[in-house]
PDB file of N, CA and C in Angstrom:
ATOM      1  N   UNK A   1       0.972  -1.167   0.118  1.00  0.00           N
ATOM      2  CA  UNK A   1       0.020  -0.071  -0.172  1.00  0.00           C
ATOM      3  C   UNK A   1       0.755   1.052  -0.080  1.00  0.00           C
ATOM      4  N   UNK A   2       0.548   2.492  -0.749  1.00  0.00           N
ATOM      5  CA  UNK A   2       1.146   3.550  -0.994  1.00  0.00           C
ATOM      6  C   UNK A   2       0.703   4.348   0.448  1.00  0.00           C
ATOM      7  N   UNK A   3       2.002   4.720   1.140  1.00  0.00           N
ATOM      8  CA  UNK A   3       1.694   5.647   2.407  1.00  0.00           C
ATOM      9  C   UNK A   3       1.357   7.150   1.661  1.00  0.00           C
ATOM     10  N   UNK A   4       1.010   8.108   2.512  1.00  0.00           N
ATOM     11  CA  UNK A   4       0.310   9.380   2.126  1.00  0.00           C
ATOM     12  C   UNK A   4       1.596  10.276   1.950  1.00  0.00           C
ATOM     13  N   UNK A   5       2.799  10.048   2.833  1.00  0.00           N
ATOM     14  CA  UNK A   5       3.866  10.668   3.010  1.00  0.00           C
ATOM     15  C   UNK A   5       4.554  10.704   1.107  1.00  0.00           C
ATOM     16  N   UNK A   6       4.820   9.345   0.726  1.00  0.00           N
ATOM     17  CA  UNK A   6       4.918   9.127  -0.686  1.00  0.00           C
ATOM     18  C   UNK A   6       4.127  10.043  -1.344  1.00  0.00           C
ATOM     19  N   UNK A   7       3.025   9.954  -1.182  1.00  0.00           N
ATOM     20  CA  UNK A   7       2.338  10.793  -2.539  1.00  0.00           C
ATOM     21  C   UNK A   7       2.593  12.231  -2.313  1.00  0.00           C
ATOM     22  N   UNK A   8       2.567  12.766  -1.239  1.00  0.00           N
ATOM     23  CA  UNK A   8       2.567  14.363  -0.765  1.00  0.00           C
ATOM     24  C   UNK A   8       4.171  14.729  -1.210  1.00  0.00           C
ATOM     25  N   UNK A   9       5.196  13.844  -1.015  1.00  0.00           N
ATOM     26  CA  UNK A   9       6.664  14.069  -1.623  1.00  0.00           C
ATOM     27  C   UNK A   9       6.643  14.975  -2.815  1.00  0.00           C
ATOM     28  N   UNK A  10       5.685  14.748  -4.075  1.00  0.00           N
ATOM     29  CA  UNK A  10       5.635  15.504  -5.088  1.00  0.00           C
ATOM     30  C   UNK A  10       5.578  16.861  -4.504  1.00  0.00           C
ATOM     31  N   UNK A  11       4.634  17.351  -4.206  1.00  0.00           N
ATOM     32  CA  UNK A  11       4.285  18.717  -3.520  1.00  0.00           C
ATOM     33  C   UNK A  11       5.327  19.321  -2.815  1.00  0.00           C
ATOM     34  N   UNK A  12       6.033  18.470  -2.016  1.00  0.00           N
ATOM     35  CA  UNK A  12       6.971  19.085  -1.260  1.00  0.00           C
ATOM     36  C   UNK A  12       8.221  19.432  -2.094  1.00  0.00           C
ATOM     37  N   UNK A  13       8.412  18.872  -3.482  1.00  0.00           N
ATOM     38  CA  UNK A  13       9.659  19.483  -4.142  1.00  0.00           C
ATOM     39  C   UNK A  13       9.356  20.579  -4.972  1.00  0.00           C
ATOM     40  N   UNK A  14       8.004  20.526  -5.187  1.00  0.00           N
ATOM     41  CA  UNK A  14       7.240  21.579  -5.599  1.00  0.00           C
ATOM     42  C   UNK A  14       7.411  22.992  -5.036  1.00  0.00           C
ATOM     43  N   UNK A  15       7.264  22.590  -3.852  1.00  0.00           N
ATOM     44  CA  UNK A  15       7.211  23.996  -2.779  1.00  0.00           C
ATOM     45  C   UNK A  15       8.592  24.425  -2.360  1.00  0.00           C
ATOM     46  N   UNK A  16       9.413  23.516  -2.565  1.00  0.00           N
ATOM     47  CA  UNK A  16      10.926  23.652  -2.490  1.00  0.00           C
ATOM     48  C   UNK A  16      11.425  24.433  -3.488  1.00  0.00           C
ATOM     49  N   UNK A  17      11.215  23.947  -4.492  1.00  0.00           N
ATOM     50  CA  UNK A  17      11.606  24.977  -5.975  1.00  0.00           C
ATOM     51  C   UNK A  17      11.197  26.361  -5.441  1.00  0.00           C
ATOM     52  N   UNK A  18       9.880  26.575  -5.226  1.00  0.00           N
ATOM     53  CA  UNK A  18       9.458  27.993  -5.105  1.00  0.00           C
ATOM     54  C   UNK A  18      10.408  28.791  -3.989  1.00  0.00           C
ATOM     55  N   UNK A  19      10.252  27.952  -2.916  1.00  0.00           N
ATOM     56  CA  UNK A  19      11.445  28.534  -1.893  1.00  0.00           C
ATOM     57  C   UNK A  19      12.906  28.933  -2.288  1.00  0.00           C
ATOM     58  N   UNK A  20      13.425  28.143  -3.186  1.00  0.00           N
ATOM     59  CA  UNK A  20      14.619  28.183  -3.518  1.00  0.00           C
ATOM     60  C   UNK A  20      14.523  29.338  -4.783  1.00  0.00           C
ATOM     61  N   UNK A  21      13.821  29.472  -5.680  1.00  0.00           N
ATOM     62  CA  UNK A  21      13.634  30.564  -6.456  1.00  0.00           C
ATOM     63  C   UNK A  21      13.700  31.974  -5.900  1.00  0.00           C
ATOM     64  N   UNK A  22      12.618  32.154  -4.605  1.00  0.00           N
ATOM     65  CA  UNK A  22      12.792  33.192  -4.178  1.00  0.00           C
ATOM     66  C   UNK A  22      14.212  33.689  -3.570  1.00  0.00           C
ATOM     67  N   UNK A  23      14.643  32.418  -2.654  1.00  0.00           N
ATOM     68  CA  UNK A  23      15.964  32.768  -1.937  1.00  0.00           C
ATOM     69  C   UNK A  23      17.086  33.187  -2.945  1.00  0.00           C
ATOM     70  N   UNK A  24      17.216  32.872  -4.451  1.00  0.00           N
ATOM     71  CA  UNK A  24      17.911  33.104  -5.485  1.00  0.00           C
ATOM     72  C   UNK A  24      17.453  34.422  -5.830  1.00  0.00           C
ATOM     73  N   UNK A  25      16.367  34.774  -5.978  1.00  0.00           N
ATOM     74  CA  UNK A  25      16.117  36.434  -6.471  1.00  0.00           C
ATOM     75  C   UNK A  25      16.603  37.425  -5.180  1.00  0.00           C
ATOM     76  N   UNK A  26      16.066  36.840  -3.902  1.00  0.00           N
ATOM     77  CA  UNK A  26      16.561  37.780  -3.062  1.00  0.00           C
ATOM     78  C   UNK A  26      18.217  37.911  -2.707  1.00  0.00           C
ATOM     79  N   UNK A  27      18.887  36.641  -3.210  1.00  0.00           N
ATOM     80  CA  UNK A  27      20.445  36.675  -3.019  1.00  0.00           C
ATOM     81  C   UNK A  27      20.721  37.532  -3.991  1.00  0.00           C
ATOM     82  N   UNK A  28      20.329  37.481  -5.155  1.00  0.00           N
ATOM     83  CA  UNK A  28      21.091  38.209  -6.409  1.00  0.00           C
ATOM     84  C   UNK A  28      20.815  39.695  -6.263  1.00  0.00           C
ATOM     85  N   UNK A  29      19.563  40.213  -6.239  1.00  0.00           N
ATOM     86  CA  UNK A  29      18.931  41.632  -5.709  1.00  0.00           C
ATOM     87  C   UNK A  29      19.784  42.179  -4.636  1.00  0.00           C
ATOM     88  N   UNK A  30      20.198  41.622  -3.492  1.00  0.00           N
ATOM     89  CA  UNK A  30      21.109  42.032  -2.561  1.00  0.00           C
ATOM     90  C   UNK A  30      22.340  42.106  -3.132  1.00  0.00           C
ATOM     91  N   UNK A  31      22.781  41.318  -3.576  1.00  0.00           N
ATOM     92  CA  UNK A  31      24.274  41.462  -3.867  1.00  0.00           C
ATOM     93  C   UNK A  31      24.860  42.657  -5.149  1.00  0.00           C
ATOM     94  N   UNK A  32      23.594  42.783  -5.966  1.00  0.00           N
ATOM     95  CA  UNK A  32      23.698  43.917  -7.074  1.00  0.00           C
ATOM     96  C   UNK A  32      23.453  45.123  -6.387  1.00  0.00           C
ATOM     97  N   UNK A  33      22.250  45.468  -5.595  1.00  0.00           N
ATOM     98  CA  UNK A  33      21.840  46.848  -5.209  1.00  0.00           C
ATOM     99  C   UNK A  33      22.351  47.292  -3.996  1.00  0.00           C
ATOM    100  N   UNK A  34      22.763  46.241  -3.210  1.00  0.00           N
ATOM    101  CA  UNK A  34      22.926  46.357  -1.590  1.00  0.00           C
ATOM    102  C   UNK A  34      21.824  46.631  -0.769  1.00  0.00           C
ATOM    103  N   UNK A  35      20.693  45.844  -1.020  1.00  0.00           N
ATOM    104  CA  UNK A  35      19.518  46.013  -0.339  1.00  0.00           C
ATOM    105  C   UNK A  35      19.160  44.639   0.269  1.00  0.00           C
ATOM    106  N   UNK A  36      18.707  44.844   1.721  1.00  0.00           N
ATOM    107  CA  UNK A  36      18.068  43.206   2.136  1.00  0.00           C
ATOM    108  C   UNK A  36      16.620  43.386   1.968  1.00  0.00           C
ATOM    109  N   UNK A  37      16.230  42.208   1.161  1.00  0.00           N
ATOM    110  CA  UNK A  37      14.777  41.850   1.058  1.00  0.00           C
ATOM    111  C   UNK A  37      14.269  40.748   1.651  1.00  0.00           C
ATOM    112  N   UNK A  38      13.300  40.780   2.344  1.00  0.00           N
ATOM    113  CA  UNK A  38      12.520  39.485   2.765  1.00  0.00           C
ATOM    114  C   UNK A  38      11.941  38.761   1.878  1.00  0.00           C
ATOM    115  N   UNK A  39      12.058  37.425   2.261  1.00  0.00           N
ATOM    116  CA  UNK A  39      11.367  36.718   1.224  1.00  0.00           C
ATOM    117  C   UNK A  39      10.278  36.687   1.381  1.00  0.00           C
ATOM    118  N   UNK A  40       9.383  36.966   2.185  1.00  0.00           N
ATOM    119  CA  UNK A  40       7.896  37.330   2.457  1.00  0.00           C
ATOM    120  C   UNK A  40       7.747  38.738   1.456  1.00  0.00           C
ATOM    121  N   UNK A  41       8.769  39.284   0.984  1.00  0.00           N
ATOM    122  CA  UNK A  41       8.305  40.595   0.426  1.00  0.00           C
ATOM    123  C   UNK A  41       8.460  40.175  -1.192  1.00  0.00           C
ATOM    124  N   UNK A  42       8.531  38.911  -1.613  1.00  0.00           N
ATOM    125  CA  UNK A  42       8.801  38.318  -2.912  1.00  0.00           C
ATOM    126  C   UNK A  42       7.818  37.306  -3.425  1.00  0.00           C
ATOM    127  N   UNK A  43       7.326  37.423  -4.335  1.00  0.00           N
ATOM    128  CA  UNK A  43       6.272  36.948  -4.638  1.00  0.00           C
ATOM    129  C   UNK A  43       6.540  36.643  -6.315  1.00  0.00           C
ATOM    130  N   UNK A  44       6.477  35.436  -6.729  1.00  0.00           N
ATOM    131  CA  UNK A  44       6.798  34.694  -8.200  1.00  0.00           C
ATOM    132  C   UNK A  44       5.570  34.014  -8.503  1.00  0.00           C
ATOM    133  N   UNK A  45       5.007  34.764  -9.747  1.00  0.00           N
ATOM    134  CA  UNK A  45       3.679  34.005 -10.297  1.00  0.00           C
ATOM    135  C   UNK A  45       3.962  34.334 -11.696  1.00  0.00           C
ATOM    136  N   UNK A  46       3.591  33.263 -12.565  1.00  0.00           N
ATOM    137  CA  UNK A  46       3.486  33.535 -13.841  1.00  0.00           C
ATOM    138  C   UNK A  46       4.471  33.962 -14.844  1.00  0.00           C
ATOM    139  N   UNK A  47       6.180  33.600 -14.074  1.00  0.00           N
ATOM    140  CA  UNK A  47       7.185  34.365 -14.761  1.00  0.00           C
ATOM    141  C   UNK A  47       7.484  35.544 -14.464  1.00  0.00           C
ATOM    142  N   UNK A  48       6.697  36.449 -13.417  1.00  0.00           N
ATOM    143  CA  UNK A  48       6.873  37.749 -13.012  1.00  0.00           C
ATOM    144  C   UNK A  48       7.273  37.596 -11.444  1.00  0.00           C
ATOM    145  N   UNK A  49       7.962  38.435 -11.054  1.00  0.00           N
ATOM    146  CA  UNK A  49       8.773  38.864  -9.884  1.00  0.00           C
ATOM    147  C   UNK A  49       8.178  39.824  -9.220  1.00  0.00           C
ATOM    148  N   UNK A  50       7.216  39.577  -8.243  1.00  0.00           N
ATOM    149  CA  UNK A  50       6.626  40.719  -7.511  1.00  0.00           C
ATOM    150  C   UNK A  50       7.373  41.013  -6.497  1.00  0.00           C
ATOM    151  N   UNK A  51       7.848  42.689  -6.306  1.00  0.00           N
ATOM    152  CA  UNK A  51       8.472  43.019  -5.099  1.00  0.00           C
ATOM    153  C   UNK A  51       7.520  43.943  -4.394  1.00  0.00           C
ATOM    154  N   UNK A  52       7.442  43.439  -2.837  1.00  0.00           N
ATOM    155  CA  UNK A  52       6.665  44.237  -1.715  1.00  0.00           C
ATOM    156  C   UNK A  52       7.790  45.337  -1.386  1.00  0.00           C
ATOM    157  N   UNK A  53       8.299  46.245  -1.960  1.00  0.00           N
ATOM    158  CA  UNK A  53       9.404  47.119  -1.533  1.00  0.00           C
ATOM    159  C   UNK A  53       9.131  48.738  -1.734  1.00  0.00           C
ATOM    160  N   UNK A  54       9.888  49.498  -1.108  1.00  0.00           N
ATOM    161  CA  UNK A  54       9.578  50.911  -1.647  1.00  0.00           C
ATOM    162  C   UNK A  54       9.901  51.491  -3.040  1.00  0.00           C
ATOM    163  N   UNK A  55       9.334  52.267  -3.665  1.00  0.00           N
ATOM    164  CA  UNK A  55       9.441  52.692  -5.321  1.00  0.00           C
ATOM    165  C   UNK A  55      10.895  52.853  -5.183  1.00  0.00           C
ATOM    166  N   UNK A  56      11.547  53.699  -4.383  1.00  0.00           N
ATOM    167  CA  UNK A  56      12.994  54.493  -4.777  1.00  0.00           C
ATOM    168  C   UNK A  56      14.096  52.935  -4.984  1.00  0.00           C
ATOM    169  N   UNK A  57      13.580  51.935  -4.261  1.00  0.00           N
ATOM    170  CA  UNK A  57      14.767  50.240  -4.484  1.00  0.00           C
ATOM    171  C   UNK A  57      14.023  49.998  -5.889  1.00  0.00           C
ATOM    172  N   UNK A  58      12.670  50.126  -6.186  1.00  0.00           N
ATOM    173  CA  UNK A  58      12.293  49.490  -7.285  1.00  0.00           C
ATOM    174  C   UNK A  58      13.006  50.304  -8.458  1.00  0.00           C
ATOM    175  N   UNK A  59      13.146  51.317  -8.477  1.00  0.00           N
ATOM    176  CA  UNK A  59      13.852  52.354  -9.694  1.00  0.00           C
ATOM    177  C   UNK A  59      15.066  51.658  -9.671  1.00  0.00           C
ATOM    178  N   UNK A  60      15.800  51.421  -8.703  1.00  0.00           N
ATOM    179  CA  UNK A  60      17.512  50.918  -8.458  1.00  0.00           C
ATOM    180  C   UNK A  60      17.207  49.605  -9.359  1.00  0.00           C
ATOM    181  N   UNK A  61      16.328  49.000  -8.889  1.00  0.00           N
ATOM    182  CA  UNK A  61      16.310  47.335  -9.499  1.00  0.00           C
ATOM    183  C   UNK A  61      16.033  47.688 -11.072  1.00  0.00           C
ATOM    184  N   UNK A  62      14.919  48.634 -11.542  1.00  0.00           N
ATOM    185  CA  UNK A  62      14.790  48.580 -12.995  1.00  0.00           C
ATOM    186  C   UNK A  62      15.819  49.359 -13.707  1.00  0.00           C
ATOM    187  N   UNK A  63      16.683  50.130 -13.145  1.00  0.00           N
ATOM    188  CA  UNK A  63      18.065  50.394 -13.932  1.00  0.00           C
ATOM    189  C   UNK A  63      19.384  49.319 -13.772  1.00  0.00           C
ATOM    190  N   UNK A  64      18.759  48.336 -13.178  1.00  0.00           N
ATOM    191  CA  UNK A  64      19.971  47.141 -13.359  1.00  0.00           C
ATOM    192  C   UNK A  64      19.582  45.873 -13.284  1.00  0.00           C
ATOM    193  N   UNK A  65      18.063  46.342 -14.296  1.00  0.00           N
ATOM    194  CA  UNK A  65      17.127  45.082 -14.890  1.00  0.00           C
ATOM    195  C   UNK A  65      18.115  43.951 -15.682  1.00  0.00           C
ATOM    196  N   UNK A  66      19.074  44.336 -16.746  1.00  0.00           N
ATOM    197  CA  UNK A  66      19.567  43.607 -17.421  1.00  0.00           C
ATOM    198  C   UNK A  66      20.364  42.536 -16.562  1.00  0.00           C
ATOM    199  N   UNK A  67      21.264  43.284 -15.596  1.00  0.00           N
ATOM    200  CA  UNK A  67      22.257  42.325 -14.889  1.00  0.00           C
ATOM    201  C   UNK A  67      21.584  41.524 -14.040  1.00  0.00           C
ATOM    202  N   UNK A  68      20.297  41.724 -13.236  1.00  0.00           N
ATOM    203  CA  UNK A  68      19.756  40.705 -12.655  1.00  0.00           C
ATOM    204  C   UNK A  68      19.157  39.600 -13.250  1.00  0.00           C
ATOM    205  N   UNK A  69      18.564  40.011 -14.341  1.00  0.00           N
ATOM    206  CA  UNK A  69      18.078  38.819 -15.248  1.00  0.00           C
ATOM    207  C   UNK A  69      18.928  37.913 -15.628  1.00  0.00           C
ATOM    208  N   UNK A  70      20.297  38.458 -16.190  1.00  0.00           N
ATOM    209  CA  UNK A  70      21.451  37.664 -16.554  1.00  0.00           C
ATOM    210  C   UNK A  70      21.670  36.667 -15.154  1.00  0.00           C
ATOM    211  N   UNK A  71      21.785  37.049 -14.298  1.00  0.00           N
ATOM    212  CA  UNK A  71      22.442  36.418 -13.224  1.00  0.00           C
ATOM    213  C   UNK A  71      21.454  35.568 -12.631  1.00  0.00           C
ATOM    214  N   UNK A  72      20.100  35.890 -12.850  1.00  0.00           N
ATOM    215  CA  UNK A  72      19.119  34.966 -12.525  1.00  0.00           C
ATOM    216  C   UNK A  72      18.972  33.680 -13.394  1.00  0.00           C
ATOM    217  N   UNK A  73      19.239  33.930 -14.915  1.00  0.00           N
ATOM    218  CA  UNK A  73      19.582  32.692 -15.575  1.00  0.00           C
ATOM    219  C   UNK A  73      20.588  31.916 -15.516  1.00  0.00           C
ATOM    220  N   UNK A  74      21.729  32.575 -14.929  1.00  0.00           N
ATOM    221  CA  UNK A  74      22.909  31.607 -14.504  1.00  0.00           C
ATOM    222  C   UNK A  74      22.454  30.714 -13.658  1.00  0.00           C
ATOM    223  N   UNK A  75      21.698  31.528 -12.401  1.00  0.00           N
ATOM    224  CA  UNK A  75      21.366  30.525 -11.159  1.00  0.00           C
ATOM    225  C   UNK A  75      20.428  29.617 -11.477  1.00  0.00           C
ATOM    226  N   UNK A  76      18.962  30.056 -11.962  1.00  0.00           N
ATOM    227  CA  UNK A  76      17.702  29.311 -12.290  1.00  0.00           C
ATOM    228  C   UNK A  76      17.462  28.577 -13.643  1.00  0.00           C
ATOM    229  N   UNK A  77      18.002  28.837 -14.677  1.00  0.00           N
ATOM    230  CA  UNK A  77      18.248  28.504 -15.799  1.00  0.00           C
ATOM    231  C   UNK A  77      16.907  28.539 -16.643  1.00  0.00           C
ATOM    232  N   UNK A  78      16.174  27.240 -17.133  1.00  0.00           N
ATOM    233  CA  UNK A  78      15.149  27.515 -17.607  1.00  0.00           C
ATOM    234  C   UNK A  78      14.067  28.236 -16.780  1.00  0.00           C
ATOM    235  N   UNK A  79      14.033  28.287 -15.713  1.00  0.00           N
ATOM    236  CA  UNK A  79      13.158  28.611 -14.475  1.00  0.00           C
ATOM    237  C   UNK A  79      13.041  29.825 -14.068  1.00  0.00           C
ATOM    238  N   UNK A  80      13.612  30.661 -14.899  1.00  0.00           N
ATOM    239  CA  UNK A  80      13.814  31.917 -14.772  1.00  0.00           C
ATOM    240  C   UNK A  80      12.803  33.002 -15.263  1.00  0.00           C
ATOM    241  N   UNK A  81      12.331  33.647 -13.979  1.00  0.00           N
ATOM    242  CA  UNK A  81      11.116  34.545 -14.585  1.00  0.00           C
ATOM    243  C   UNK A  81      11.780  35.621 -15.422  1.00  0.00           C
ATOM    244  N   UNK A  82      10.964  36.236 -16.373  1.00  0.00           N
ATOM    245  CA  UNK A  82      10.790  37.167 -17.239  1.00  0.00           C
ATOM    246  C   UNK A  82      10.584  38.398 -17.073  1.00  0.00           C
ATOM    247  N   UNK A  83      10.101  38.800 -15.586  1.00  0.00           N
ATOM    248  CA  UNK A  83      10.059  40.229 -15.667  1.00  0.00           C
ATOM    249  C   UNK A  83       9.823  40.752 -14.409  1.00  0.00           C
ATOM    250  N   UNK A  84      10.576  41.739 -13.814  1.00  0.00           N
ATOM    251  CA  UNK A  84      10.329  42.320 -12.426  1.00  0.00           C
ATOM    252  C   UNK A  84       9.162  43.621 -12.497  1.00  0.00           C
ATOM    253  N   UNK A  85       8.457  43.209 -11.194  1.00  0.00           N
ATOM    254  CA  UNK A  85       7.087  44.308 -11.122  1.00  0.00           C
ATOM    255  C   UNK A  85       7.812  44.859  -9.441  1.00  0.00           C
TER     256      UNK A  85
END
């Protein structure tokens, strides 16, 4: 008989990958613009990164958008979000 923990193991991997994506985004943005962002302030949906931060910091992120996306592609590969809002 299959145990429930074996069935739910698939979902654990999906959730872990979302946590991993958020951590990569947080780490890369922190390195590039010297801003510490909480994982709770990052949301990734439909290939877009939503940041819950002050507009002045978002402007700096938009100025360095290309560098951030390139670093994300190196880190995440095919799972790289395409846009930052």
